[in-house]
Every structure is written in structure tokens, then in C-alpha cells.
Amino acid sequence: MSAASLHSGAAKHPAATTARIVLAFASVYIFWGSTYTAIRVGVAQMPPLLLAGTRFLIAGAILLAWCRGRGLRLVWPPKDMFLLVLIGLMLLGAGNVGLVYAEQAVPSGLASLIYAVIPLYVALIEMFLPGGEPLPTRGWLGMALGFAGLVALLWPSLRHGFAGDRARLWAVTALLAGALCWTIGSIVSRRARLRVNSFVAAAWQMLAAGACSTLLGTFLGQWPRFHVNPLALWSQAYLIGCGSLLGYTGYIYLLEHVPVGKVASYAYVNPVVAVLLGIFLLHERPPVEEFVGMAAVLLAVFLLTTSQFEARRAAGPPTQPERITVNE
């Protein structure tokens, strides 16, 4: 899973076809939702830092090469490059590595559901920032429901953790810390309003996070636990090709041709895909509390996102290109 803050630009794009839009939605829904499963498989073969680091190094290099081939500007002023690196380290370096680390001890479906509350964190923090958007009544209802769902999701893990399963407690802590880093990175990205092309920005963010994670994993001596076998290669190939490249490209295409409110539906579809794949492919068996939490969180994200878009529509057209934070 990776992220970048993208915008629906004002440039004209070739007319979309129904088939391409359907394929793009399928890529975002299925590929991004299934990356949680691929991470769960990969982290059993590779240390978290090296799994995430090598993934983003390779994906970032491929995407940057593609951008160069398209004639896009790659190098920007130092301030812009610094912000790209900072955003990449927060979103992918800390946010994604926290997720990968946690999936050593928690099911992929649970991890995806905890990360699904990130839009709630973003909305809550932005309300207290200068120029932040107040929440309408339906948004507050979604916020309350979302945090109640989060408690329901975490309760079984906390119960096992306090009973002696320290690995589970550390995993939950990593998820919450990673989600917070992802939230902060998302807010910085949204407010930075960089002029950098979205593909170029994502490439540099991947490279920054990949280099940092790989160097840290090397410093900690994790390479002896980096197993190159069919499962490891499948996991990395899927994360690089389907998660970081195809899914991301599909998302960019949708932002150019589909209203952003519809594109945002990935936020409550991806966790459902992750939970179902975890059950059928990894034989995960979520307790009843997690199903209750899942329903609450997904309904909360739906209420929050739809209320925000309706509030913006009622306020009139935006003066800046509309932005949306994504995870891949």
C-alpha cells in the first residue's frame, strides 16, 4: 500500500470509454484491496523494512523512468523536492511500514479495517487547523460511529495482548502509529499544493521511502532474513505491478474522468475486498466483534466522505483543484 495526494487537474484529457472506466475501477478496488493479502504473504518471507523498501525502490524507479519517457519534468526546486521526500517518508516510510510490521501478528483484514479509519482522523485534525472544514451533522455521526467501530475492532486484539500476547499489542501500536503518520502525511500533502505532476510526485515519494526503509533495514542487519523464494517473489511482483503501478495508474485515470466523490468509494470498498480475501485465501477467521466493527467503520467512512463532498458542493466551486488522499 502506498499513497500520494492527487488532484483532478484542469487540463483536457481524451474522452473516457465505459470499458476503460470499469477497468480502472476494478484495478483500484481489487488491486488496492488485495495488497493487504500480498503484504501478509510477503512479510512471512521478508523483514518489514526490506519488504516495503525494495518494493518502493523498484516501483519508484519504474514510474520515474516512465515519467521521463513521457517528457515530464522530473527535478523541481529544493523546497518542492523536500516536501516530496517528507510526504513520502510519512506516508510510505512510516505509514506503510507500520502496516507491514503489524501484519506479522495481525490478520490482513483487521489491518485494512483499522487503516480504513484514516479519513476520520484526517477530518478530525483538519477541523482544528487554519482554514479547516467544519463537519456537518452527518459527518459528526460518521465520526462517532467510526471511533466506536475502531474500539470494537481493537478489543479482541487488546484482550489477547493484555493476556500475554505482547506481539499483538506491538502490532496494534504499530497500526495506530502508522495510521497517524499516514494522516499527517496526507494533511501535509493536501495543504502543500505542489505544482509537481502527480506521477512524478508519487515516483519521488516511493524512492524516498524505499531508500530510507532499505537503508534502515540494512543497518539493522535484516538481509539474512530476506528470503528469495516463489512466495516472496510473487508477493513483491504483485505489490509492485498491481498495487503500486496498475492500481495507481487506474486511480489517476479515474480522477481525470470521473467525479471525485465516486472515486472516493475505494475507501470503503478496499477493506471489504481485503477481509474477504483474508478469509478465503489466508483462512483468517475474524471474531464477531470485528464484523461489527467492520460494519460500523465502513458506514462511518461512507457518511463522512459523502457529507464532506455535499458540503463542498453546497459551498460552491472550489478555488483550487480538488484533492483527495489515496492509498495503494
Protein backbone atom coordinates (compact mmCIF):
# COMPACT_ATOMS: atom_id res chain seq x y z
CA MET A 1 0.00 0.00 0.00
CA SER A 2 1.36 3.46 -0.94
CA ALA A 3 -0.09 6.95 -1.11
CA ALA A 4 0.10 10.31 -2.76
CA SER A 5 -2.13 13.34 -2.73
CA LEU A 6 -3.51 13.89 -6.20
CA HIS A 7 -5.72 16.44 -7.84
CA SER A 8 -8.19 16.50 -10.65
CA GLY A 9 -6.40 18.87 -12.94
CA ALA A 10 -7.87 21.40 -15.24
CA ALA A 11 -6.11 20.03 -18.30
CA LYS A 12 -8.21 18.40 -21.00
CA HIS A 13 -7.97 14.65 -21.37
CA PRO A 14 -9.10 12.25 -24.09
CA ALA A 15 -12.71 11.15 -23.77
CA ALA A 16 -13.14 8.18 -21.48
CA THR A 17 -14.87 4.98 -22.54
CA THR A 18 -17.14 2.91 -20.34
CA ALA A 19 -14.85 -0.09 -20.67
CA ARG A 20 -11.79 1.88 -19.52
CA ILE A 21 -13.63 3.37 -16.56
CA VAL A 22 -14.87 -0.06 -15.49
CA LEU A 23 -11.34 -1.50 -15.78
CA ALA A 24 -9.91 1.42 -13.83
CA PHE A 25 -12.43 0.95 -11.01
CA ALA A 26 -11.70 -2.78 -10.99
CA SER A 27 -7.98 -2.01 -10.67
CA VAL A 28 -8.48 0.36 -7.75
CA TYR A 29 -10.99 -1.83 -5.95
CA ILE A 30 -9.35 -5.22 -6.45
CA PHE A 31 -5.63 -4.44 -6.69
CA TRP A 32 -5.51 -1.99 -3.80
CA GLY A 33 -7.79 -4.13 -1.65
CA SER A 34 -5.69 -7.22 -2.32
CA THR A 35 -2.37 -5.59 -1.39
CA TYR A 36 -3.15 -6.33 2.27
CA THR A 37 -3.23 -10.03 1.41
CA ALA A 38 0.01 -9.79 -0.58
CA ILE A 39 1.71 -7.97 2.31
CA ARG A 40 0.62 -10.70 4.72
CA VAL A 41 2.20 -13.31 2.43
CA GLY A 42 5.36 -11.28 1.82
CA VAL A 43 6.06 -10.35 5.43
CA ALA A 44 6.25 -14.06 6.29
CA GLN A 45 9.26 -14.28 3.92
CA MET A 46 10.94 -10.87 4.30
CA PRO A 47 11.56 -8.37 7.13
CA PRO A 48 9.05 -5.48 7.04
CA LEU A 49 11.61 -2.76 6.30
CA LEU A 50 13.12 -4.63 3.38
CA LEU A 51 9.78 -5.81 2.00
CA ALA A 52 8.49 -2.24 1.87
CA GLY A 53 11.85 -0.71 0.96
CA THR A 54 12.62 -2.87 -2.07
CA ARG A 55 9.02 -2.61 -3.25
CA PHE A 56 9.04 1.17 -3.33
CA LEU A 57 12.56 1.45 -4.73
CA ILE A 58 11.67 -0.72 -7.71
CA ALA A 59 8.21 0.77 -8.26
CA GLY A 60 9.52 4.32 -7.89
CA ALA A 61 12.35 3.73 -10.35
CA ILE A 62 9.96 2.23 -12.92
CA LEU A 63 7.48 5.09 -12.53
CA LEU A 64 10.19 7.76 -12.72
CA ALA A 65 11.59 6.17 -15.88
CA TRP A 66 8.08 6.16 -17.38
CA CYS A 67 7.69 9.85 -16.49
CA ARG A 68 10.98 10.64 -18.18
CA GLY A 69 9.87 8.76 -21.27
CA ARG A 70 6.71 10.88 -21.32
CA GLY A 71 8.82 14.03 -21.24
CA LEU A 72 7.60 15.14 -17.81
CA ARG A 73 9.71 17.45 -15.67
CA LEU A 74 11.47 15.35 -13.03
CA VAL A 75 13.54 17.81 -10.94
CA TRP A 76 11.86 20.69 -9.13
CA PRO A 77 13.05 23.48 -6.79
CA PRO A 78 14.59 22.35 -3.47
CA LYS A 79 11.50 23.29 -1.44
CA ASP A 80 9.25 21.12 -3.60
CA MET A 81 11.71 18.22 -3.55
CA PHE A 82 11.99 18.48 0.24
CA LEU A 83 8.21 18.33 0.61
CA LEU A 84 8.02 15.33 -1.73
CA VAL A 85 10.60 13.50 0.38
CA LEU A 86 8.87 14.46 3.65
CA ILE A 87 5.47 13.33 2.38
CA GLY A 88 6.95 10.09 1.07
CA LEU A 89 8.61 9.34 4.41
CA MET A 90 5.40 9.99 6.35
CA LEU A 91 3.00 8.16 4.06
CA LEU A 92 5.11 5.28 2.79
CA GLY A 93 8.14 5.23 5.03
CA ALA A 94 6.24 5.32 8.33
CA GLY A 95 2.61 4.72 7.39
CA ASN A 96 3.14 1.73 5.13
CA VAL A 97 5.99 0.19 7.14
CA GLY A 98 3.79 0.34 10.25
CA LEU A 99 1.17 -1.64 8.34
CA VAL A 100 3.69 -4.18 7.06
CA TYR A 101 5.20 -4.63 10.52
CA ALA A 102 1.76 -5.16 12.08
CA GLU A 103 0.75 -7.81 9.56
CA GLN A 104 3.36 -10.10 11.06
CA ALA A 105 1.00 -10.56 14.03
CA VAL A 106 -2.49 -9.43 12.99
CA PRO A 107 -4.72 -10.66 10.13
CA SER A 108 -4.69 -8.69 6.90
CA GLY A 109 -8.44 -7.99 7.13
CA LEU A 110 -8.12 -6.42 10.58
CA ALA A 111 -5.17 -4.30 9.44
CA SER A 112 -7.16 -3.00 6.46
CA LEU A 113 -10.12 -2.07 8.65
CA ILE A 114 -8.00 -0.16 11.16
CA TYR A 115 -6.41 1.79 8.30
CA ALA A 116 -9.87 2.45 6.87
CA VAL A 117 -10.49 4.99 9.66
CA ILE A 118 -7.76 7.29 8.33
CA PRO A 119 -10.32 9.57 6.59
CA LEU A 120 -11.87 10.10 10.02
CA TYR A 121 -8.51 11.07 11.51
CA VAL A 122 -7.87 13.48 8.65
CA ALA A 123 -11.27 15.16 9.03
CA LEU A 124 -10.88 15.44 12.80
CA ILE A 125 -7.40 17.00 12.69
CA GLU A 126 -8.17 19.36 9.80
CA MET A 127 -11.07 20.89 11.72
CA PHE A 128 -8.58 22.41 14.15
CA LEU A 129 -6.17 23.70 11.51
CA PRO A 130 -6.37 27.18 9.91
CA GLY A 131 -8.85 27.10 7.07
CA GLY A 132 -10.11 23.67 8.11
CA GLU A 133 -13.56 22.47 7.12
CA PRO A 134 -16.28 22.10 9.80
CA LEU A 135 -18.19 18.83 9.80
CA PRO A 136 -21.93 18.77 9.10
CA THR A 137 -24.21 16.75 11.39
CA ARG A 138 -23.94 13.61 9.26
CA GLY A 139 -20.16 13.92 9.36
CA TRP A 140 -20.19 14.01 13.18
CA LEU A 141 -22.43 10.95 13.20
CA GLY A 142 -19.94 9.17 10.98
CA MET A 143 -17.07 10.26 13.22
CA ALA A 144 -18.72 8.89 16.37
CA LEU A 145 -19.71 5.66 14.64
CA GLY A 146 -16.21 5.24 13.21
CA PHE A 147 -14.42 5.51 16.53
CA ALA A 148 -16.95 3.16 18.15
CA GLY A 149 -16.19 0.71 15.34
CA LEU A 150 -12.45 1.14 15.93
CA VAL A 151 -12.91 0.18 19.59
CA ALA A 152 -14.85 -2.92 18.52
CA LEU A 153 -12.09 -3.83 16.07
CA LEU A 154 -9.29 -3.39 18.60
CA TRP A 155 -10.97 -5.03 21.58
CA PRO A 156 -10.17 -8.71 20.69
CA SER A 157 -6.51 -7.85 20.00
CA LEU A 158 -6.21 -5.82 23.19
CA ARG A 159 -7.80 -8.63 25.16
CA HIS A 160 -5.25 -11.14 23.80
CA GLY A 161 -2.43 -8.63 24.28
CA PHE A 162 -3.19 -7.95 27.91
CA ALA A 163 -3.47 -11.71 28.43
CA GLY A 164 0.18 -12.07 27.44
CA ASP A 165 0.35 -11.78 23.63
CA ARG A 166 2.85 -8.91 23.51
CA ALA A 167 3.41 -9.28 19.75
CA ARG A 168 -0.26 -8.49 19.22
CA LEU A 169 -0.03 -5.38 21.37
CA TRP A 170 3.03 -4.14 19.47
CA ALA A 171 1.24 -4.82 16.19
CA VAL A 172 -1.81 -2.79 17.25
CA THR A 173 0.50 0.01 18.40
CA ALA A 174 2.29 -0.05 15.04
CA LEU A 175 -1.04 0.14 13.19
CA LEU A 176 -2.25 3.12 15.20
CA ALA A 177 1.11 4.90 14.89
CA GLY A 178 1.27 4.13 11.17
CA ALA A 179 -2.26 5.41 10.66
CA LEU A 180 -1.33 8.64 12.47
CA CYS A 181 1.77 9.11 10.29
CA TRP A 182 -0.33 8.44 7.20
CA THR A 183 -2.83 11.06 8.39
CA ILE A 184 -0.16 13.69 9.00
CA GLY A 185 1.45 12.97 5.63
CA SER A 186 -1.93 13.23 3.94
CA ILE A 187 -2.64 16.61 5.52
CA VAL A 188 0.81 17.96 4.61
CA SER A 189 0.34 16.72 1.06
CA ARG A 190 -3.13 18.21 0.76
CA ARG A 191 -2.05 21.62 2.06
CA ALA A 192 1.28 21.79 0.21
CA ARG A 193 -0.49 22.22 -3.17
CA LEU A 194 2.62 21.21 -5.06
CA ARG A 195 2.84 22.02 -8.75
CA VAL A 196 4.56 18.70 -9.44
CA ASN A 197 2.86 16.25 -11.80
CA SER A 198 1.06 13.55 -9.79
CA PHE A 199 3.01 10.67 -11.35
CA VAL A 200 6.35 12.41 -10.79
CA ALA A 201 5.40 13.21 -7.19
CA ALA A 202 4.46 9.60 -6.49
CA ALA A 203 7.71 8.34 -8.04
CA TRP A 204 9.89 10.56 -5.83
CA GLN A 205 7.83 9.70 -2.75
CA MET A 206 8.26 5.99 -3.43
CA LEU A 207 12.00 6.39 -4.00
CA ALA A 208 12.46 8.40 -0.79
CA ALA A 209 10.53 5.91 1.33
CA GLY A 210 12.15 2.94 -0.39
CA ALA A 211 15.67 4.25 0.12
CA CYS A 212 15.05 5.12 3.78
CA SER A 213 13.41 1.78 4.61
CA THR A 214 16.07 -0.25 2.78
CA LEU A 215 18.94 1.63 4.44
CA LEU A 216 17.37 1.22 7.87
CA GLY A 217 16.77 -2.48 7.27
CA THR A 218 20.39 -2.86 6.16
CA PHE A 219 21.66 -1.01 9.23
CA LEU A 220 19.61 -3.35 11.46
CA GLY A 221 21.11 -6.40 9.72
CA GLN A 222 17.86 -7.74 8.26
CA TRP A 223 19.20 -9.07 4.95
CA PRO A 224 19.87 -12.62 6.26
CA ARG A 225 16.10 -12.91 6.83
CA PHE A 226 15.30 -11.70 3.30
CA HIS A 227 14.22 -14.96 1.65
CA VAL A 228 14.04 -15.11 -2.15
CA ASN A 229 11.60 -17.90 -2.94
CA PRO A 230 8.45 -18.24 -5.07
CA LEU A 231 6.15 -16.80 -2.39
CA ALA A 232 8.42 -13.83 -1.76
CA LEU A 233 8.82 -13.12 -5.48
CA TRP A 234 5.08 -13.40 -6.06
CA SER A 235 4.33 -11.02 -3.22
CA GLN A 236 6.83 -8.39 -4.38
CA ALA A 237 5.83 -8.66 -8.03
CA TYR A 238 2.17 -8.24 -7.12
CA LEU A 239 2.79 -5.31 -4.80
CA ILE A 240 4.99 -3.56 -7.37
CA GLY A 241 2.99 -4.30 -10.50
CA CYS A 242 -0.60 -4.43 -9.33
CA GLY A 243 -0.51 -2.29 -6.18
CA SER A 244 1.99 0.47 -6.96
CA LEU A 245 1.73 0.73 -10.74
CA LEU A 246 -1.52 -0.62 -12.23
CA GLY A 247 -3.77 0.34 -9.32
CA TYR A 248 -2.20 3.76 -9.07
CA THR A 249 -2.50 4.37 -12.81
CA GLY A 250 -6.15 3.34 -12.70
CA TYR A 251 -6.73 5.83 -9.90
CA ILE A 252 -5.13 8.68 -11.85
CA TYR A 253 -7.32 7.81 -14.85
CA LEU A 254 -10.46 7.89 -12.72
CA LEU A 255 -9.58 11.28 -11.22
CA GLU A 256 -9.30 12.67 -14.74
CA HIS A 257 -12.64 11.31 -15.96
CA VAL A 258 -14.95 10.55 -13.00
CA PRO A 259 -16.33 12.82 -10.23
CA VAL A 260 -14.05 12.66 -7.20
CA GLY A 261 -16.93 11.65 -4.91
CA LYS A 262 -17.37 8.41 -6.86
CA VAL A 263 -13.63 7.73 -6.94
CA ALA A 264 -13.53 8.07 -3.15
CA SER A 265 -15.67 4.93 -2.88
CA TYR A 266 -12.40 2.97 -2.83
CA ALA A 267 -12.08 3.95 0.86
CA TYR A 268 -14.93 1.64 1.86
CA VAL A 269 -14.59 -0.99 -0.87
CA ASN A 270 -10.90 -1.86 -0.33
CA PRO A 271 -11.38 -3.09 3.28
CA VAL A 272 -14.23 -5.39 2.20
CA VAL A 273 -12.00 -6.88 -0.52
CA ALA A 274 -9.16 -7.30 1.99
CA VAL A 275 -11.35 -9.02 4.58
CA LEU A 276 -12.90 -11.40 2.04
CA LEU A 277 -9.52 -12.33 0.54
CA GLY A 278 -8.13 -12.87 4.03
CA ILE A 279 -10.96 -15.27 4.80
CA PHE A 280 -10.87 -17.24 1.53
CA LEU A 281 -7.15 -17.21 0.69
CA LEU A 282 -5.42 -16.96 4.07
CA HIS A 283 -8.13 -18.75 6.09
CA GLU A 284 -8.43 -15.88 8.55
CA ARG A 285 -11.34 -16.20 10.98
CA PRO A 286 -12.35 -12.78 12.33
CA PRO A 287 -14.27 -12.83 15.63
CA VAL A 288 -17.81 -11.47 15.78
CA GLU A 289 -16.58 -8.18 17.29
CA GLU A 290 -14.52 -7.48 14.17
CA PHE A 291 -17.52 -7.96 11.87
CA VAL A 292 -19.48 -5.48 13.99
CA GLY A 293 -16.53 -3.08 13.90
CA MET A 294 -16.19 -3.54 10.14
CA ALA A 295 -19.82 -2.60 9.53
CA ALA A 296 -19.52 0.43 11.79
CA VAL A 297 -16.26 1.68 10.25
CA LEU A 298 -17.40 1.27 6.64
CA LEU A 299 -20.71 3.01 7.32
CA ALA A 300 -18.83 5.77 9.15
CA VAL A 301 -16.42 6.36 6.25
CA PHE A 302 -19.38 6.45 3.85
CA LEU A 303 -21.23 9.01 5.99
CA LEU A 304 -18.15 11.16 6.45
CA THR A 305 -16.99 11.23 2.83
CA THR A 306 -20.44 11.83 1.36
CA SER A 307 -21.20 14.59 3.88
CA GLN A 308 -17.89 16.32 3.07
CA PHE A 309 -18.48 16.27 -0.68
CA GLU A 310 -22.05 17.52 -0.30
CA ALA A 311 -20.86 20.33 1.98
CA ARG A 312 -18.24 21.39 -0.58
CA ARG A 313 -20.80 21.28 -3.38
CA ALA A 314 -23.18 23.46 -1.37
CA ALA A 315 -20.38 25.95 -0.70
CA GLY A 316 -19.79 26.44 -4.43
CA PRO A 317 -16.97 25.55 -6.83
CA PRO A 318 -13.50 25.29 -5.26
CA THR A 319 -10.94 27.99 -5.93
CA GLN A 320 -8.17 25.37 -6.05
CA PRO A 321 -8.11 21.97 -7.74
CA GLU A 322 -9.89 19.45 -5.52
CA ARG A 323 -7.59 16.99 -3.81
CA ILE A 324 -8.10 13.54 -2.40
CA THR A 325 -5.71 11.37 -0.47
CA VAL A 326 -5.25 7.85 -1.74
CA ASN A 327 -3.59 4.66 -0.63
CA GLU A 328 -2.30 1.96 -2.89
